[in-house]
Amino acid sequence: MKTKTAASQPPTPVADRDHIQGPPGAPFALVEYGDYQCPYCGEAHPIVRAIVKRMGKQLCFAFRNFPLVDMHAHAEHAAEAAEAADAQGHFWEMHDILFENQNALEDEDIAGYAKELGLDAKRLMDDVRNEAHLERVKEDFCGGAGNGVNGTPTFFVNGARYDGELDAAALFIAITGRET
């Protein structure tokens, strides 16, 4: 679970390099720093999906990798797999399947997810084994650490760190400033 901190900085603004859902110029923004093996991120995943679906073009959601390698042995490979899937044009599909199966993140599991998604599984696993996307994962992590992220999930709502309740109603109010 993330540690709350009084000192936090605004996140690095959403940029072209980010994985986003919704238009970059949407009136509302949600940035998540997450770890595919973190159980709290797994609990947050359906909540975030519901918010993204509900808000549609009114929200720009960005996901950034923050694998906690000291606690989660498979988190970094999972993040690399999501990036390798992105290289094949399927980041969000892999993102979702990793969170939905976060208790099965061994390399053979990941290769199976790639096949299930119709990706070139050999290419994806070669990318993971050769650390082809590790630099990108590390850039996300370092950017998060520089923004005061110290655990997962960590959310920034409209440029401000959000440490409130992690349920759909509370998050919606934090994003929009209005009741559901």
N, C-alpha and C. Protein backbone atom coordinates (compact mmCIF):
# COMPACT_ATOMS: atom_id res chain seq x y z
N MET A 1 0.85 -1.18 0.00
CA MET A 1 0.00 0.00 0.00
C MET A 1 0.88 1.22 0.00
N LYS A 2 0.42 2.27 -0.64
CA LYS A 2 1.24 3.46 -0.73
C LYS A 2 1.33 4.16 0.61
N THR A 3 2.44 4.82 0.79
CA THR A 3 2.65 5.62 1.98
C THR A 3 2.23 7.03 1.66
N LYS A 4 1.47 7.62 2.54
CA LYS A 4 1.04 9.00 2.31
C LYS A 4 2.16 9.94 2.71
N THR A 5 2.28 11.01 2.01
CA THR A 5 3.33 11.97 2.29
C THR A 5 2.77 13.37 2.16
N ALA A 6 3.17 14.25 3.02
CA ALA A 6 2.72 15.63 2.95
C ALA A 6 3.43 16.36 1.83
N ALA A 7 4.66 15.99 1.58
CA ALA A 7 5.43 16.68 0.56
C ALA A 7 5.28 15.95 -0.77
N SER A 8 4.59 16.55 -1.69
CA SER A 8 4.52 15.98 -3.03
C SER A 8 4.57 17.11 -4.03
N GLN A 9 5.06 16.76 -5.18
CA GLN A 9 5.19 17.74 -6.24
C GLN A 9 4.18 17.41 -7.32
N PRO A 10 3.83 18.39 -8.15
CA PRO A 10 2.93 18.06 -9.25
C PRO A 10 3.61 17.07 -10.19
N PRO A 11 2.84 16.22 -10.83
CA PRO A 11 3.45 15.23 -11.72
C PRO A 11 3.99 15.89 -12.98
N THR A 12 4.89 15.17 -13.60
CA THR A 12 5.32 15.58 -14.92
C THR A 12 4.08 15.63 -15.79
N PRO A 13 3.88 16.71 -16.54
CA PRO A 13 2.65 16.82 -17.35
C PRO A 13 2.53 15.66 -18.35
N VAL A 14 1.30 15.32 -18.66
CA VAL A 14 1.04 14.28 -19.65
C VAL A 14 1.66 14.71 -20.97
N ALA A 15 2.38 13.79 -21.59
CA ALA A 15 3.10 14.11 -22.82
C ALA A 15 2.86 13.02 -23.86
N ASP A 16 3.37 13.24 -25.05
CA ASP A 16 3.21 12.29 -26.14
C ASP A 16 3.75 10.90 -25.79
N ARG A 17 4.75 10.84 -24.93
CA ARG A 17 5.36 9.55 -24.58
C ARG A 17 4.47 8.71 -23.68
N ASP A 18 3.48 9.33 -23.05
CA ASP A 18 2.61 8.63 -22.11
C ASP A 18 1.63 7.71 -22.82
N HIS A 19 1.23 6.67 -22.10
CA HIS A 19 0.13 5.82 -22.53
C HIS A 19 -1.13 6.51 -22.02
N ILE A 20 -1.97 6.95 -22.94
CA ILE A 20 -3.16 7.68 -22.51
C ILE A 20 -4.42 7.09 -23.11
N GLN A 21 -5.50 7.31 -22.38
CA GLN A 21 -6.84 7.03 -22.88
C GLN A 21 -7.59 8.34 -22.75
N GLY A 22 -8.27 8.72 -23.80
CA GLY A 22 -8.95 10.00 -23.83
C GLY A 22 -8.08 11.04 -24.49
N PRO A 23 -8.67 12.17 -24.83
CA PRO A 23 -7.90 13.20 -25.54
C PRO A 23 -6.90 13.91 -24.63
N PRO A 24 -5.70 14.19 -25.14
CA PRO A 24 -4.69 14.88 -24.33
C PRO A 24 -5.16 16.25 -23.80
N GLY A 25 -6.03 16.90 -24.51
CA GLY A 25 -6.51 18.21 -24.08
C GLY A 25 -7.83 18.16 -23.31
N ALA A 26 -8.19 17.00 -22.78
CA ALA A 26 -9.45 16.86 -22.03
C ALA A 26 -9.47 17.82 -20.85
N PRO A 27 -10.66 18.22 -20.42
CA PRO A 27 -10.75 19.15 -19.29
C PRO A 27 -10.28 18.58 -17.96
N PHE A 28 -10.25 17.25 -17.83
CA PHE A 28 -9.82 16.61 -16.58
C PHE A 28 -8.69 15.62 -16.89
N ALA A 29 -7.78 15.46 -15.90
CA ALA A 29 -6.65 14.55 -16.09
C ALA A 29 -6.46 13.66 -14.86
N LEU A 30 -6.14 12.40 -15.12
CA LEU A 30 -5.82 11.44 -14.08
C LEU A 30 -4.55 10.71 -14.50
N VAL A 31 -3.55 10.74 -13.64
CA VAL A 31 -2.29 10.05 -13.89
C VAL A 31 -2.12 9.01 -12.79
N GLU A 32 -1.83 7.77 -13.21
CA GLU A 32 -1.57 6.70 -12.25
C GLU A 32 -0.15 6.20 -12.42
N TYR A 33 0.56 6.09 -11.29
CA TYR A 33 1.82 5.37 -11.23
C TYR A 33 1.48 4.03 -10.63
N GLY A 34 1.71 2.95 -11.40
CA GLY A 34 1.27 1.65 -10.96
C GLY A 34 2.27 0.54 -11.17
N ASP A 35 2.00 -0.57 -10.50
CA ASP A 35 2.82 -1.77 -10.49
C ASP A 35 1.87 -2.94 -10.78
N TYR A 36 2.13 -3.69 -11.82
CA TYR A 36 1.23 -4.76 -12.25
C TYR A 36 1.08 -5.88 -11.23
N GLN A 37 2.00 -6.01 -10.30
CA GLN A 37 1.91 -7.08 -9.31
C GLN A 37 1.37 -6.57 -7.97
N CYS A 38 1.18 -5.28 -7.83
CA CYS A 38 0.71 -4.70 -6.57
C CYS A 38 -0.78 -5.00 -6.37
N PRO A 39 -1.14 -5.63 -5.25
CA PRO A 39 -2.56 -5.95 -5.03
C PRO A 39 -3.44 -4.70 -4.91
N TYR A 40 -2.89 -3.60 -4.42
CA TYR A 40 -3.67 -2.37 -4.31
C TYR A 40 -3.94 -1.77 -5.69
N CYS A 41 -2.97 -1.90 -6.58
CA CYS A 41 -3.19 -1.48 -7.97
C CYS A 41 -4.24 -2.37 -8.62
N GLY A 42 -4.19 -3.65 -8.30
CA GLY A 42 -5.20 -4.57 -8.83
C GLY A 42 -6.59 -4.20 -8.36
N GLU A 43 -6.72 -3.77 -7.11
CA GLU A 43 -8.02 -3.33 -6.60
C GLU A 43 -8.45 -2.03 -7.27
N ALA A 44 -7.49 -1.17 -7.58
CA ALA A 44 -7.81 0.12 -8.19
C ALA A 44 -8.16 -0.01 -9.67
N HIS A 45 -7.66 -1.04 -10.32
CA HIS A 45 -7.82 -1.17 -11.77
C HIS A 45 -9.28 -1.09 -12.24
N PRO A 46 -10.21 -1.87 -11.68
CA PRO A 46 -11.60 -1.75 -12.16
C PRO A 46 -12.23 -0.40 -11.83
N ILE A 47 -11.78 0.23 -10.77
CA ILE A 47 -12.29 1.56 -10.42
C ILE A 47 -11.85 2.57 -11.47
N VAL A 48 -10.58 2.53 -11.83
CA VAL A 48 -10.06 3.44 -12.86
C VAL A 48 -10.75 3.17 -14.19
N ARG A 49 -10.91 1.91 -14.54
CA ARG A 49 -11.59 1.58 -15.81
C ARG A 49 -13.00 2.15 -15.84
N ALA A 50 -13.71 2.05 -14.71
CA ALA A 50 -15.08 2.58 -14.64
C ALA A 50 -15.09 4.10 -14.79
N ILE A 51 -14.14 4.77 -14.17
CA ILE A 51 -14.04 6.24 -14.28
C ILE A 51 -13.73 6.64 -15.71
N VAL A 52 -12.77 5.95 -16.33
CA VAL A 52 -12.39 6.27 -17.72
C VAL A 52 -13.59 6.07 -18.64
N LYS A 53 -14.30 4.99 -18.46
CA LYS A 53 -15.48 4.72 -19.29
C LYS A 53 -16.56 5.77 -19.07
N ARG A 54 -16.82 6.07 -17.81
CA ARG A 54 -17.87 7.03 -17.48
C ARG A 54 -17.58 8.43 -18.01
N MET A 55 -16.33 8.86 -17.89
CA MET A 55 -15.99 10.24 -18.26
C MET A 55 -15.71 10.42 -19.74
N GLY A 56 -15.38 9.35 -20.42
CA GLY A 56 -15.16 9.42 -21.87
C GLY A 56 -14.18 10.50 -22.27
N LYS A 57 -14.60 11.34 -23.20
CA LYS A 57 -13.72 12.37 -23.76
C LYS A 57 -13.47 13.54 -22.81
N GLN A 58 -14.08 13.50 -21.64
CA GLN A 58 -13.85 14.55 -20.65
C GLN A 58 -12.60 14.29 -19.81
N LEU A 59 -12.00 13.09 -19.96
CA LEU A 59 -10.86 12.70 -19.13
C LEU A 59 -9.70 12.23 -19.98
N CYS A 60 -8.51 12.67 -19.61
CA CYS A 60 -7.27 12.12 -20.15
C CYS A 60 -6.64 11.30 -19.03
N PHE A 61 -6.59 9.98 -19.21
CA PHE A 61 -5.98 9.09 -18.23
C PHE A 61 -4.63 8.64 -18.75
N ALA A 62 -3.60 8.79 -17.93
CA ALA A 62 -2.25 8.34 -18.28
C ALA A 62 -1.77 7.32 -17.27
N PHE A 63 -1.19 6.23 -17.75
CA PHE A 63 -0.60 5.21 -16.88
C PHE A 63 0.90 5.27 -17.04
N ARG A 64 1.59 5.27 -15.89
CA ARG A 64 3.05 5.24 -15.87
C ARG A 64 3.52 4.08 -14.98
N ASN A 65 4.57 3.42 -15.43
CA ASN A 65 5.11 2.26 -14.71
C ASN A 65 5.86 2.68 -13.45
N PHE A 66 5.59 1.96 -12.37
CA PHE A 66 6.32 2.18 -11.13
C PHE A 66 6.49 0.82 -10.43
N PRO A 67 7.25 -0.09 -11.08
CA PRO A 67 7.40 -1.43 -10.51
C PRO A 67 8.22 -1.40 -9.22
N LEU A 68 7.65 -1.97 -8.18
CA LEU A 68 8.33 -2.04 -6.88
C LEU A 68 9.08 -3.37 -6.83
N VAL A 69 10.27 -3.37 -7.43
CA VAL A 69 11.01 -4.61 -7.64
C VAL A 69 11.46 -5.27 -6.34
N ASP A 70 11.63 -4.52 -5.28
CA ASP A 70 12.04 -5.11 -4.00
C ASP A 70 10.91 -5.92 -3.37
N MET A 71 9.67 -5.60 -3.75
CA MET A 71 8.51 -6.27 -3.16
C MET A 71 7.84 -7.24 -4.12
N HIS A 72 7.95 -6.96 -5.41
CA HIS A 72 7.21 -7.73 -6.42
C HIS A 72 8.19 -8.24 -7.49
N ALA A 73 8.51 -9.51 -7.41
CA ALA A 73 9.54 -10.11 -8.26
C ALA A 73 9.22 -10.04 -9.75
N HIS A 74 7.94 -9.99 -10.12
CA HIS A 74 7.58 -10.03 -11.54
C HIS A 74 7.12 -8.68 -12.08
N ALA A 75 7.13 -7.66 -11.26
CA ALA A 75 6.57 -6.37 -11.65
C ALA A 75 7.33 -5.72 -12.81
N GLU A 76 8.65 -5.80 -12.77
CA GLU A 76 9.42 -5.15 -13.84
C GLU A 76 9.24 -5.86 -15.17
N HIS A 77 9.26 -7.19 -15.16
CA HIS A 77 9.03 -7.92 -16.41
C HIS A 77 7.63 -7.66 -16.95
N ALA A 78 6.66 -7.56 -16.05
CA ALA A 78 5.30 -7.27 -16.49
C ALA A 78 5.23 -5.89 -17.14
N ALA A 79 5.90 -4.91 -16.53
CA ALA A 79 5.94 -3.56 -17.12
C ALA A 79 6.63 -3.59 -18.48
N GLU A 80 7.71 -4.33 -18.57
CA GLU A 80 8.40 -4.45 -19.86
C GLU A 80 7.51 -5.14 -20.89
N ALA A 81 6.72 -6.12 -20.45
CA ALA A 81 5.81 -6.81 -21.37
C ALA A 81 4.74 -5.85 -21.89
N ALA A 82 4.24 -4.99 -21.01
CA ALA A 82 3.25 -4.00 -21.46
C ALA A 82 3.88 -3.07 -22.49
N GLU A 83 5.11 -2.68 -22.26
CA GLU A 83 5.80 -1.81 -23.22
C GLU A 83 6.09 -2.56 -24.52
N ALA A 84 6.43 -3.84 -24.42
CA ALA A 84 6.65 -4.64 -25.63
C ALA A 84 5.35 -4.81 -26.40
N ALA A 85 4.25 -4.94 -25.70
CA ALA A 85 2.94 -5.01 -26.36
C ALA A 85 2.63 -3.67 -27.04
N ASP A 86 3.03 -2.58 -26.40
CA ASP A 86 2.86 -1.26 -27.02
C ASP A 86 3.60 -1.18 -28.35
N ALA A 87 4.79 -1.77 -28.41
CA ALA A 87 5.56 -1.77 -29.65
C ALA A 87 4.81 -2.50 -30.77
N GLN A 88 3.83 -3.35 -30.38
CA GLN A 88 2.99 -4.04 -31.35
C GLN A 88 1.60 -3.42 -31.42
N GLY A 89 1.44 -2.25 -30.81
CA GLY A 89 0.19 -1.52 -30.89
C GLY A 89 -0.91 -1.98 -29.95
N HIS A 90 -0.54 -2.66 -28.84
CA HIS A 90 -1.56 -3.23 -27.96
C HIS A 90 -1.25 -3.02 -26.48
N PHE A 91 -0.80 -1.83 -26.12
CA PHE A 91 -0.48 -1.56 -24.73
C PHE A 91 -1.67 -1.81 -23.81
N TRP A 92 -2.81 -1.17 -24.10
CA TRP A 92 -3.94 -1.22 -23.18
C TRP A 92 -4.50 -2.62 -23.01
N GLU A 93 -4.47 -3.41 -24.05
CA GLU A 93 -4.95 -4.79 -23.94
C GLU A 93 -4.06 -5.59 -22.98
N MET A 94 -2.73 -5.41 -23.14
CA MET A 94 -1.80 -6.12 -22.25
C MET A 94 -1.90 -5.55 -20.83
N HIS A 95 -2.01 -4.25 -20.72
CA HIS A 95 -2.18 -3.59 -19.42
C HIS A 95 -3.34 -4.24 -18.65
N ASP A 96 -4.47 -4.36 -19.31
CA ASP A 96 -5.65 -4.92 -18.66
C ASP A 96 -5.46 -6.39 -18.28
N ILE A 97 -4.92 -7.17 -19.19
CA ILE A 97 -4.77 -8.60 -18.92
C ILE A 97 -3.76 -8.85 -17.80
N LEU A 98 -2.74 -8.01 -17.70
CA LEU A 98 -1.76 -8.17 -16.62
C LEU A 98 -2.42 -7.90 -15.27
N PHE A 99 -3.21 -6.83 -15.20
CA PHE A 99 -3.89 -6.54 -13.94
C PHE A 99 -4.93 -7.60 -13.60
N GLU A 100 -5.59 -8.13 -14.59
CA GLU A 100 -6.62 -9.14 -14.36
C GLU A 100 -6.04 -10.49 -13.98
N ASN A 101 -4.73 -10.66 -14.17
CA ASN A 101 -4.06 -11.94 -13.88
C ASN A 101 -2.79 -11.70 -13.07
N GLN A 102 -2.83 -10.77 -12.15
CA GLN A 102 -1.60 -10.38 -11.48
C GLN A 102 -0.99 -11.45 -10.57
N ASN A 103 -1.67 -12.54 -10.36
CA ASN A 103 -1.08 -13.65 -9.61
C ASN A 103 -0.40 -14.66 -10.52
N ALA A 104 -0.38 -14.37 -11.81
CA ALA A 104 0.25 -15.26 -12.78
C ALA A 104 1.06 -14.40 -13.76
N LEU A 105 2.24 -13.98 -13.31
CA LEU A 105 3.06 -13.07 -14.12
C LEU A 105 4.45 -13.64 -14.44
N GLU A 106 4.56 -14.96 -14.42
CA GLU A 106 5.80 -15.59 -14.86
C GLU A 106 5.93 -15.36 -16.36
N ASP A 107 7.13 -15.48 -16.88
CA ASP A 107 7.33 -15.25 -18.31
C ASP A 107 6.44 -16.12 -19.19
N GLU A 108 6.24 -17.39 -18.80
CA GLU A 108 5.38 -18.25 -19.62
C GLU A 108 3.92 -17.79 -19.59
N ASP A 109 3.49 -17.21 -18.47
CA ASP A 109 2.15 -16.65 -18.39
C ASP A 109 2.03 -15.46 -19.34
N ILE A 110 3.03 -14.60 -19.30
CA ILE A 110 3.02 -13.40 -20.14
C ILE A 110 3.02 -13.79 -21.62
N ALA A 111 3.81 -14.79 -21.97
CA ALA A 111 3.82 -15.26 -23.36
C ALA A 111 2.43 -15.76 -23.75
N GLY A 112 1.76 -16.43 -22.84
CA GLY A 112 0.40 -16.90 -23.10
C GLY A 112 -0.57 -15.75 -23.32
N TYR A 113 -0.41 -14.68 -22.54
CA TYR A 113 -1.28 -13.51 -22.71
C TYR A 113 -1.03 -12.87 -24.07
N ALA A 114 0.24 -12.83 -24.48
CA ALA A 114 0.56 -12.26 -25.78
C ALA A 114 -0.13 -13.05 -26.89
N LYS A 115 -0.08 -14.37 -26.80
CA LYS A 115 -0.75 -15.22 -27.79
C LYS A 115 -2.26 -14.98 -27.76
N GLU A 116 -2.81 -14.92 -26.55
CA GLU A 116 -4.25 -14.70 -26.39
C GLU A 116 -4.69 -13.39 -27.04
N LEU A 117 -3.81 -12.40 -27.00
CA LEU A 117 -4.12 -11.09 -27.59
C LEU A 117 -3.79 -11.02 -29.08
N GLY A 118 -3.26 -12.12 -29.63
CA GLY A 118 -2.93 -12.15 -31.05
C GLY A 118 -1.63 -11.44 -31.38
N LEU A 119 -0.78 -11.28 -30.38
CA LEU A 119 0.51 -10.62 -30.60
C LEU A 119 1.56 -11.64 -31.03
N ASP A 120 2.67 -11.15 -31.51
CA ASP A 120 3.82 -12.00 -31.81
C ASP A 120 4.49 -12.29 -30.46
N ALA A 121 4.14 -13.41 -29.86
CA ALA A 121 4.61 -13.75 -28.51
C ALA A 121 6.12 -13.91 -28.45
N LYS A 122 6.70 -14.50 -29.48
CA LYS A 122 8.16 -14.68 -29.48
C LYS A 122 8.84 -13.32 -29.49
N ARG A 123 8.39 -12.41 -30.32
CA ARG A 123 8.96 -11.06 -30.37
C ARG A 123 8.79 -10.35 -29.02
N LEU A 124 7.60 -10.46 -28.45
CA LEU A 124 7.34 -9.80 -27.17
C LEU A 124 8.28 -10.35 -26.09
N MET A 125 8.41 -11.66 -26.01
CA MET A 125 9.26 -12.24 -24.98
C MET A 125 10.74 -11.98 -25.25
N ASP A 126 11.13 -11.94 -26.52
CA ASP A 126 12.51 -11.55 -26.85
C ASP A 126 12.77 -10.12 -26.37
N ASP A 127 11.80 -9.23 -26.58
CA ASP A 127 11.94 -7.85 -26.09
C ASP A 127 12.10 -7.82 -24.57
N VAL A 128 11.30 -8.62 -23.87
CA VAL A 128 11.38 -8.64 -22.40
C VAL A 128 12.73 -9.21 -21.96
N ARG A 129 13.13 -10.34 -22.51
CA ARG A 129 14.40 -10.97 -22.11
C ARG A 129 15.60 -10.08 -22.44
N ASN A 130 15.52 -9.34 -23.54
CA ASN A 130 16.63 -8.48 -23.96
C ASN A 130 16.54 -7.07 -23.37
N GLU A 131 15.54 -6.86 -22.50
CA GLU A 131 15.34 -5.57 -21.82
C GLU A 131 15.21 -4.41 -22.82
N ALA A 132 14.54 -4.70 -23.94
CA ALA A 132 14.38 -3.70 -25.00
C ALA A 132 13.62 -2.46 -24.54
N HIS A 133 12.77 -2.61 -23.54
CA HIS A 133 11.93 -1.50 -23.08
C HIS A 133 12.20 -1.13 -21.63
N LEU A 134 13.28 -1.67 -21.07
CA LEU A 134 13.59 -1.40 -19.67
C LEU A 134 13.88 0.08 -19.43
N GLU A 135 14.53 0.72 -20.37
CA GLU A 135 14.84 2.15 -20.21
C GLU A 135 13.54 2.96 -20.05
N ARG A 136 12.54 2.64 -20.83
CA ARG A 136 11.25 3.33 -20.74
C ARG A 136 10.63 3.12 -19.36
N VAL A 137 10.67 1.89 -18.86
CA VAL A 137 10.13 1.58 -17.54
C VAL A 137 10.89 2.38 -16.48
N LYS A 138 12.20 2.42 -16.59
CA LYS A 138 13.02 3.16 -15.62
C LYS A 138 12.76 4.67 -15.70
N GLU A 139 12.51 5.18 -16.90
CA GLU A 139 12.17 6.61 -17.03
C GLU A 139 10.88 6.93 -16.29
N ASP A 140 9.87 6.07 -16.44
CA ASP A 140 8.62 6.26 -15.70
C ASP A 140 8.88 6.24 -14.20
N PHE A 141 9.65 5.24 -13.77
CA PHE A 141 9.92 5.08 -12.34
C PHE A 141 10.67 6.29 -11.79
N CYS A 142 11.70 6.70 -12.47
CA CYS A 142 12.49 7.85 -11.99
C CYS A 142 11.66 9.13 -12.02
N GLY A 143 10.85 9.29 -13.03
CA GLY A 143 9.96 10.44 -13.09
C GLY A 143 8.99 10.44 -11.92
N GLY A 144 8.46 9.28 -11.59
CA GLY A 144 7.56 9.17 -10.44
C GLY A 144 8.28 9.49 -9.14
N ALA A 145 9.45 8.92 -8.97
CA ALA A 145 10.21 9.19 -7.75
C ALA A 145 10.50 10.68 -7.63
N GLY A 146 10.82 11.32 -8.74
CA GLY A 146 11.06 12.75 -8.74
C GLY A 146 9.82 13.57 -8.44
N ASN A 147 8.66 12.98 -8.65
CA ASN A 147 7.38 13.65 -8.37
C ASN A 147 6.83 13.29 -7.00
N GLY A 148 7.64 12.62 -6.18
CA GLY A 148 7.21 12.28 -4.83
C GLY A 148 6.48 10.96 -4.70
N VAL A 149 6.44 10.17 -5.76
CA VAL A 149 5.79 8.86 -5.69
C VAL A 149 6.67 7.94 -4.85
N ASN A 150 6.06 7.27 -3.87
CA ASN A 150 6.82 6.37 -3.03
C ASN A 150 6.10 5.04 -2.80
N GLY A 151 5.04 4.80 -3.52
CA GLY A 151 4.30 3.56 -3.42
C GLY A 151 3.25 3.52 -4.51
N THR A 152 2.57 2.38 -4.58
CA THR A 152 1.56 2.22 -5.63
C THR A 152 0.24 1.74 -5.05
N PRO A 153 -0.85 2.10 -5.70
CA PRO A 153 -0.91 3.09 -6.78
C PRO A 153 -0.80 4.50 -6.22
N THR A 154 -0.23 5.38 -7.00
CA THR A 154 -0.23 6.80 -6.67
C THR A 154 -0.92 7.52 -7.82
N PHE A 155 -1.88 8.36 -7.46
CA PHE A 155 -2.67 9.09 -8.45
C PHE A 155 -2.42 10.58 -8.33
N PHE A 156 -2.46 11.23 -9.47
CA PHE A 156 -2.48 12.68 -9.56
C PHE A 156 -3.74 13.06 -10.31
N VAL A 157 -4.54 13.91 -9.70
CA VAL A 157 -5.81 14.34 -10.27
C VAL A 157 -5.67 15.81 -10.63
N ASN A 158 -5.80 16.10 -11.92
CA ASN A 158 -5.72 17.48 -12.40
C ASN A 158 -4.47 18.18 -11.88
N GLY A 159 -3.36 17.43 -11.83
CA GLY A 159 -2.08 18.00 -11.44
C GLY A 159 -1.75 17.95 -9.96
N ALA A 160 -2.65 17.49 -9.13
CA ALA A 160 -2.40 17.43 -7.68
C ALA A 160 -2.45 15.98 -7.21
N ARG A 161 -1.56 15.64 -6.31
CA ARG A 161 -1.56 14.28 -5.77
C ARG A 161 -2.89 14.00 -5.06
N TYR A 162 -3.40 12.81 -5.29
CA TYR A 162 -4.66 12.39 -4.67
C TYR A 162 -4.36 11.27 -3.69
N ASP A 163 -4.63 11.51 -2.41
CA ASP A 163 -4.43 10.50 -1.39
C ASP A 163 -5.74 10.14 -0.70
N GLY A 164 -6.86 10.43 -1.35
CA GLY A 164 -8.17 10.16 -0.78
C GLY A 164 -8.58 8.71 -0.94
N GLU A 165 -9.85 8.48 -0.61
CA GLU A 165 -10.42 7.14 -0.72
C GLU A 165 -10.33 6.65 -2.16
N LEU A 166 -10.07 5.37 -2.29
CA LEU A 166 -9.97 4.79 -3.63
C LEU A 166 -11.23 4.02 -3.95
N ASP A 167 -12.28 4.78 -4.22
CA ASP A 167 -13.52 4.20 -4.73
C ASP A 167 -14.01 5.12 -5.84
N ALA A 168 -14.88 4.60 -6.68
CA ALA A 168 -15.30 5.33 -7.88
C ALA A 168 -15.94 6.67 -7.54
N ALA A 169 -16.79 6.72 -6.53
CA ALA A 169 -17.48 7.97 -6.20
C ALA A 169 -16.50 9.04 -5.72
N ALA A 170 -15.60 8.67 -4.82
CA ALA A 170 -14.64 9.64 -4.29
C ALA A 170 -13.68 10.12 -5.37
N LEU A 171 -13.23 9.21 -6.22
CA LEU A 171 -12.32 9.60 -7.29
C LEU A 171 -13.03 10.50 -8.30
N PHE A 172 -14.26 10.19 -8.62
CA PHE A 172 -15.02 11.03 -9.54
C PHE A 172 -15.18 12.45 -8.99
N ILE A 173 -15.50 12.55 -7.70
CA ILE A 173 -15.65 13.88 -7.07
C ILE A 173 -14.30 14.61 -7.09
N ALA A 174 -13.21 13.92 -6.81
CA ALA A 174 -11.90 14.55 -6.82
C ALA A 174 -11.54 15.06 -8.23
N ILE A 175 -11.91 14.30 -9.23
CA ILE A 175 -11.58 14.70 -10.61
C ILE A 175 -12.45 15.85 -11.08
N THR A 176 -13.75 15.76 -10.84
CA THR A 176 -14.69 16.72 -11.43
C THR A 176 -15.09 17.85 -10.49
N GLY A 177 -14.94 17.63 -9.18
CA GLY A 177 -15.38 18.62 -8.22
C GLY A 177 -16.88 18.58 -7.97
N ARG A 178 -17.55 17.55 -8.48
CA ARG A 178 -19.00 17.45 -8.28
C ARG A 178 -19.39 16.03 -7.88
N GLU A 179 -20.53 15.93 -7.24
CA GLU A 179 -21.06 14.63 -6.82
C GLU A 179 -21.40 13.79 -8.05
N THR A 180 -21.51 12.51 -7.83
CA THR A 180 -21.79 11.58 -8.94
C THR A 180 -23.15 11.77 -9.55
